[in-house]
Amino acid sequence: MNGEMFLAERFEAERPQLRSVAYRMLGSVVEAEDAVQEAWLKLSRSDVSDVKNLGAWLTTVVGRVCLDQLRSRASRREDPLPEHEGLVRLPDPVVGGPASIDPEREVLIADSVGIALMVILETLSPAERLAFVLHDMFDVPFDEIAPVLGRTSASTRQLASRARRRVQGATPAADTDLARKKQVVEAFLTAARGGDFDALLTVLDPEVVARSDGGTLVPSVLRRGAADVASQAITFARFAADARLVLVNGSPGVVSFAEGRPLSVMSFTIRDGRITGLDILTDPARLAALGLAG
């Protein structure tokens, strides 16, 4: 086996983790794939004969590629969308099959990151996000992250700590029982389909927040309160002839279709058996890119 084939095999073995790192950094499936591909190009052009841990080396390479993308993204927009009350930019959802709870999905579920957390990651600065994702999610030592950021280890540790406080403050502990969450989502779906306003109020937290990302052509919407969210759920259900329970980032969610075309992907945050957050992607272009079939 020649050197290039050996490197290609080693790279493919690391690809799943590299994709996970890039997705958490960028919130975009397509951009994450591009970042991983760029890492391969860098590997194929580099002398790594002295690299003792190729996986760690590739992880930091992907981190640097993603950092550059985030900084470029930030320089192109004046107002970071997730922090603006009237505008919402949701990350790409990762949609799986029917949300049956079985051991084969345990690895996927354990490795998944909910949409709500991904939204919070979008509010971090590029440097904070890199420090938090690499250290807190992938156990990369601060000494290895610091050179990517051009900072000291102590400064990098402070970045991760600041990001951690923001994440923990914005994402209170949610329910983890998947079977129970599935029941809550099913109850929401049944009530919305049946136009049962009172039933929706029982499954929605009084302070529920619903975020909708419709893309560039449809205004994004942020709604607060059970009554407002329930009314909109009933209205939307009338247009969605086919709504299906799926896994969205490893947790029960809903994909809605009309005439075989996807209308939305809904992700739920559930705490104490009630829905506290709804993240809804309705952007036609991004939905089409997910390849969902009605």
Protein backbone atom coordinates (compact mmCIF):
# COMPACT_ATOMS: atom_id res chain seq x y z
CA MET A 1 0.00 0.00 0.00
CA ASN A 2 1.49 3.35 -1.01
CA GLY A 3 1.65 6.35 1.28
CA GLU A 4 -1.31 8.20 -0.24
CA MET A 5 -3.61 5.18 0.05
CA PHE A 6 -2.55 4.71 3.66
CA LEU A 7 -3.29 8.35 4.45
CA ALA A 8 -6.65 8.11 2.69
CA GLU A 9 -7.62 5.13 4.83
CA ARG A 10 -6.54 6.89 8.01
CA PHE A 11 -8.49 9.97 6.98
CA GLU A 12 -11.66 8.00 6.26
CA ALA A 13 -11.41 6.47 9.72
CA GLU A 14 -11.40 9.98 11.20
CA ARG A 15 -14.07 11.42 8.89
CA PRO A 16 -17.08 10.86 11.23
CA GLN A 17 -15.46 12.81 14.05
CA LEU A 18 -14.23 15.53 11.71
CA ARG A 19 -17.76 15.97 10.35
CA SER A 20 -19.08 16.18 13.91
CA VAL A 21 -16.55 18.87 14.79
CA ALA A 22 -17.28 20.88 11.65
CA TYR A 23 -21.07 20.64 12.06
CA ARG A 24 -20.91 21.89 15.64
CA MET A 25 -18.63 24.71 14.56
CA LEU A 26 -20.58 25.80 11.48
CA GLY A 27 -24.17 24.63 11.92
CA SER A 28 -24.29 23.76 8.23
CA VAL A 29 -24.10 20.24 6.82
CA VAL A 30 -22.81 21.43 3.44
CA GLU A 31 -20.20 23.77 4.91
CA ALA A 32 -19.12 21.04 7.32
CA GLU A 33 -18.50 18.67 4.41
CA ASP A 34 -16.51 21.39 2.65
CA ALA A 35 -14.40 21.93 5.77
CA VAL A 36 -13.65 18.21 6.04
CA GLN A 37 -12.70 18.09 2.37
CA GLU A 38 -10.35 21.03 2.86
CA ALA A 39 -8.75 19.15 5.75
CA TRP A 40 -8.10 16.23 3.40
CA LEU A 41 -6.46 18.56 0.89
CA LYS A 42 -4.23 19.96 3.61
CA LEU A 43 -3.35 16.45 4.76
CA SER A 44 -2.52 15.29 1.23
CA ARG A 45 -0.12 18.23 0.82
CA SER A 46 1.57 17.94 4.23
CA ASP A 47 4.40 15.88 5.61
CA VAL A 48 2.86 14.20 8.66
CA SER A 49 5.56 11.61 9.19
CA ASP A 50 6.36 13.15 12.59
CA VAL A 51 2.72 13.49 13.66
CA LYS A 52 2.09 11.07 16.54
CA ASN A 53 -1.70 11.49 16.73
CA LEU A 54 -3.16 12.02 13.27
CA GLY A 55 -6.73 12.25 14.59
CA ALA A 56 -5.84 15.12 16.92
CA TRP A 57 -3.87 16.83 14.13
CA LEU A 58 -6.84 16.60 11.75
CA THR A 59 -9.26 17.83 14.41
CA THR A 60 -7.22 21.00 14.91
CA VAL A 61 -6.92 21.44 11.13
CA VAL A 62 -10.72 21.25 10.76
CA GLY A 63 -11.05 23.62 13.70
CA ARG A 64 -8.80 26.17 11.99
CA VAL A 65 -10.71 25.87 8.70
CA CYS A 66 -14.01 26.38 10.52
CA LEU A 67 -12.62 29.30 12.50
CA ASP A 68 -11.67 31.05 9.27
CA GLN A 69 -15.17 30.43 7.87
CA LEU A 70 -16.84 31.79 11.01
CA ARG A 71 -14.67 34.91 10.97
CA SER A 72 -15.45 35.44 7.29
CA ARG A 73 -19.15 34.94 7.99
CA ALA A 74 -19.07 37.43 10.86
CA SER A 75 -17.30 40.06 8.74
CA ARG A 76 -20.01 39.82 6.07
CA ARG A 77 -22.96 40.53 8.33
CA GLU A 78 -23.39 43.53 10.55
CA ASP A 79 -26.04 42.06 12.87
CA PRO A 80 -25.57 38.49 14.15
CA LEU A 81 -29.00 37.05 13.44
CA PRO A 82 -29.48 34.77 16.46
CA GLU A 83 -29.12 37.72 18.88
CA HIS A 84 -31.65 39.88 17.03
CA GLU A 85 -35.19 39.51 18.33
CA GLY A 86 -36.83 39.83 14.93
CA LEU A 87 -34.52 37.58 12.93
CA VAL A 88 -33.76 33.92 13.36
CA ARG A 89 -31.10 31.84 11.59
CA LEU A 90 -31.44 28.20 12.54
CA PRO A 91 -28.66 25.68 11.94
CA ASP A 92 -29.23 22.81 9.54
CA PRO A 93 -31.20 20.02 11.21
CA VAL A 94 -29.94 16.46 10.96
CA VAL A 95 -33.07 14.42 10.21
CA GLY A 96 -33.21 10.69 10.90
CA GLY A 97 -35.82 7.97 10.55
CA PRO A 98 -38.94 7.37 12.62
CA ALA A 99 -38.32 8.15 16.25
CA SER A 100 -38.58 4.63 17.59
CA ILE A 101 -36.45 4.13 20.65
CA ASP A 102 -34.10 1.23 20.02
CA PRO A 103 -30.52 0.31 20.97
CA GLU A 104 -29.24 0.75 17.42
CA ARG A 105 -29.81 4.51 17.69
CA GLU A 106 -28.11 4.89 21.07
CA VAL A 107 -24.79 5.92 19.53
CA LEU A 108 -26.46 8.51 17.31
CA ILE A 109 -28.50 9.88 20.20
CA ALA A 110 -25.53 10.03 22.54
CA ASP A 111 -23.50 11.93 19.96
CA SER A 112 -26.25 14.31 18.89
CA VAL A 113 -26.46 18.00 19.68
CA GLY A 114 -29.92 19.53 19.81
CA ILE A 115 -30.96 22.44 17.63
CA ALA A 116 -31.51 24.61 20.72
CA LEU A 117 -27.86 24.19 21.73
CA MET A 118 -26.73 24.81 18.16
CA VAL A 119 -28.65 28.12 18.18
CA ILE A 120 -26.76 29.17 21.31
CA LEU A 121 -23.44 28.20 19.72
CA GLU A 122 -24.30 30.61 16.89
CA THR A 123 -24.30 33.49 19.41
CA LEU A 124 -20.72 32.84 20.51
CA SER A 125 -17.77 34.61 18.97
CA PRO A 126 -15.72 32.46 16.56
CA ALA A 127 -12.92 32.10 19.12
CA GLU A 128 -15.32 31.20 21.94
CA ARG A 129 -17.06 28.65 19.78
CA LEU A 130 -13.81 26.97 18.77
CA ALA A 131 -12.53 26.81 22.34
CA PHE A 132 -15.83 25.45 23.67
CA VAL A 133 -16.50 22.93 20.90
CA LEU A 134 -12.99 21.48 20.76
CA HIS A 135 -12.43 21.34 24.51
CA ASP A 136 -15.87 20.70 26.02
CA MET A 137 -17.30 18.51 23.26
CA PHE A 138 -14.20 16.74 21.94
CA ASP A 139 -11.74 16.86 24.87
CA VAL A 140 -8.99 18.62 22.92
CA PRO A 141 -6.45 20.05 25.41
CA PHE A 142 -6.18 23.82 25.65
CA ASP A 143 -2.47 23.57 24.77
CA GLU A 144 -3.49 22.22 21.33
CA ILE A 145 -6.31 24.73 20.79
CA ALA A 146 -4.28 27.80 21.75
CA PRO A 147 -2.00 27.80 18.65
CA VAL A 148 -5.07 27.67 16.38
CA LEU A 149 -6.38 30.84 18.02
CA GLY A 150 -2.97 32.49 18.36
CA ARG A 151 -3.52 32.79 22.13
CA THR A 152 -2.05 31.42 25.31
CA SER A 153 -3.48 28.33 26.95
CA ALA A 154 -4.73 30.44 29.85
CA SER A 155 -6.52 32.83 27.50
CA THR A 156 -8.04 29.92 25.59
CA ARG A 157 -9.26 28.42 28.86
CA GLN A 158 -10.97 31.72 29.68
CA LEU A 159 -12.69 31.75 26.29
CA ALA A 160 -14.08 28.27 26.86
CA SER A 161 -15.18 29.18 30.37
CA ARG A 162 -17.01 32.27 29.13
CA ALA A 163 -18.70 30.24 26.39
CA ARG A 164 -19.65 27.52 28.88
CA ARG A 165 -21.39 30.04 31.14
CA ARG A 166 -23.39 31.40 28.22
CA VAL A 167 -24.38 27.94 27.04
CA GLN A 168 -25.40 26.74 30.50
CA GLY A 169 -27.32 29.94 31.21
CA ALA A 170 -29.26 29.78 27.94
CA THR A 171 -29.98 26.04 27.87
CA PRO A 172 -31.51 24.89 31.17
CA ALA A 173 -31.52 21.14 31.70
CA ALA A 174 -34.09 19.51 29.42
CA ASP A 175 -35.77 16.12 29.64
CA THR A 176 -33.62 13.22 28.42
CA ASP A 177 -36.14 10.37 28.47
CA LEU A 178 -36.64 9.78 24.76
CA ALA A 179 -39.78 7.70 25.15
CA ARG A 180 -41.39 10.44 27.24
CA LYS A 181 -40.31 13.14 24.80
CA LYS A 182 -41.82 11.13 21.98
CA GLN A 183 -45.14 11.03 23.86
CA VAL A 184 -45.08 14.81 24.32
CA VAL A 185 -44.37 15.44 20.63
CA GLU A 186 -47.11 13.00 19.62
CA ALA A 187 -49.57 14.80 21.91
CA PHE A 188 -48.60 18.13 20.33
CA LEU A 189 -49.02 16.71 16.84
CA THR A 190 -52.42 15.16 17.61
CA ALA A 191 -53.71 18.37 19.19
CA ALA A 192 -52.50 20.54 16.29
CA ARG A 193 -54.04 18.24 13.69
CA GLY A 194 -57.34 18.19 15.57
CA GLY A 195 -57.41 21.93 16.13
CA ASP A 196 -57.61 21.30 19.89
CA PHE A 197 -56.43 24.59 21.39
CA ASP A 198 -56.90 23.50 25.02
CA ALA A 199 -54.95 20.28 24.48
CA LEU A 200 -52.09 22.29 23.02
CA LEU A 201 -52.07 24.57 26.06
CA THR A 202 -51.59 21.54 28.31
CA VAL A 203 -48.52 20.33 26.41
CA LEU A 204 -46.94 23.78 25.91
CA ASP A 205 -45.07 25.56 28.69
CA PRO A 206 -46.72 28.96 29.41
CA GLU A 207 -43.43 30.69 28.50
CA VAL A 208 -42.71 28.59 25.39
CA VAL A 209 -40.61 30.26 22.68
CA ALA A 210 -41.03 29.31 19.01
CA ARG A 211 -38.41 30.35 16.47
CA SER A 212 -39.08 30.03 12.75
CA ASP A 213 -36.50 30.43 9.98
CA GLY A 214 -38.14 31.00 6.60
CA GLY A 215 -35.04 32.00 4.67
CA THR A 216 -34.49 35.16 2.66
CA LEU A 217 -37.94 35.29 1.04
CA VAL A 218 -40.11 34.65 4.11
CA PRO A 219 -39.74 36.79 7.25
CA SER A 220 -38.34 34.94 10.22
CA VAL A 221 -40.58 34.88 13.27
CA LEU A 222 -40.07 34.60 17.00
CA ARG A 223 -43.20 33.91 19.09
CA ARG A 224 -43.60 33.74 22.85
CA GLY A 225 -46.30 32.29 25.04
CA ALA A 226 -48.47 29.17 24.86
CA ALA A 227 -51.56 30.88 23.43
CA ASP A 228 -49.72 32.47 20.49
CA VAL A 229 -47.73 29.33 19.71
CA ALA A 230 -50.83 27.11 19.97
CA SER A 231 -52.79 29.33 17.55
CA GLN A 232 -50.00 29.23 15.01
CA ALA A 233 -49.59 25.45 15.36
CA ILE A 234 -53.28 24.92 14.53
CA THR A 235 -53.10 27.30 11.57
CA PHE A 236 -49.99 25.64 10.17
CA ALA A 237 -51.42 22.13 10.64
CA ARG A 238 -54.16 22.96 8.14
CA PHE A 239 -51.56 23.34 5.40
CA ALA A 240 -49.53 20.26 6.32
CA ALA A 241 -51.45 17.29 4.97
CA ASP A 242 -48.74 14.88 6.09
CA ALA A 243 -46.80 15.33 9.34
CA ARG A 244 -44.43 12.60 10.47
CA LEU A 245 -42.54 11.86 13.64
CA VAL A 246 -38.79 11.71 12.96
CA LEU A 247 -35.49 12.18 14.74
CA VAL A 248 -34.15 15.71 14.55
CA ASN A 249 -30.59 15.83 15.86
CA GLY A 250 -31.25 12.59 17.71
CA SER A 251 -34.44 13.71 19.46
CA PRO A 252 -38.13 13.30 18.49
CA GLY A 253 -39.25 15.97 16.04
CA VAL A 254 -41.68 16.46 13.18
CA VAL A 255 -41.34 16.85 9.41
CA SER A 256 -44.43 18.21 7.62
CA PHE A 257 -45.23 17.73 3.93
CA ALA A 258 -47.80 19.04 1.46
CA GLU A 259 -48.16 17.34 -1.94
CA GLY A 260 -44.92 15.46 -1.29
CA ARG A 261 -42.98 18.67 -0.68
CA PRO A 262 -41.44 19.36 2.75
CA LEU A 263 -42.98 22.37 4.49
CA SER A 264 -41.07 22.34 7.75
CA VAL A 265 -38.78 20.53 10.14
CA MET A 266 -39.66 21.05 13.80
CA SER A 267 -37.33 20.47 16.71
CA PHE A 268 -38.61 20.48 20.31
CA THR A 269 -37.07 21.37 23.65
CA ILE A 270 -38.99 19.62 26.43
CA ARG A 271 -38.63 20.18 30.16
CA ASP A 272 -40.74 18.61 32.91
CA GLY A 273 -42.98 17.03 30.28
CA ARG A 274 -43.90 20.30 28.54
CA ILE A 275 -42.58 21.97 25.41
CA THR A 276 -40.45 24.99 26.28
CA GLY A 277 -38.96 25.61 22.83
CA LEU A 278 -39.86 25.03 19.19
CA ASP A 279 -37.32 25.56 16.41
CA ILE A 280 -38.92 25.42 12.97
CA LEU A 281 -37.09 25.47 9.64
CA THR A 282 -39.41 26.51 6.79
CA ASP A 283 -36.84 27.82 4.30
CA PRO A 284 -37.80 26.05 1.02
CA ALA A 285 -34.25 26.08 -0.37
CA ARG A 286 -32.69 24.55 2.73
CA LEU A 287 -35.51 22.04 3.12
CA ALA A 288 -35.01 20.90 -0.48
CA ALA A 289 -31.31 20.41 0.22
CA LEU A 290 -32.14 17.96 3.01
CA GLY A 291 -33.55 15.49 0.47
CA LEU A 292 -36.69 14.71 2.47
CA ALA A 293 -39.32 12.67 0.62
CA GLY A 294 -43.07 12.93 1.24
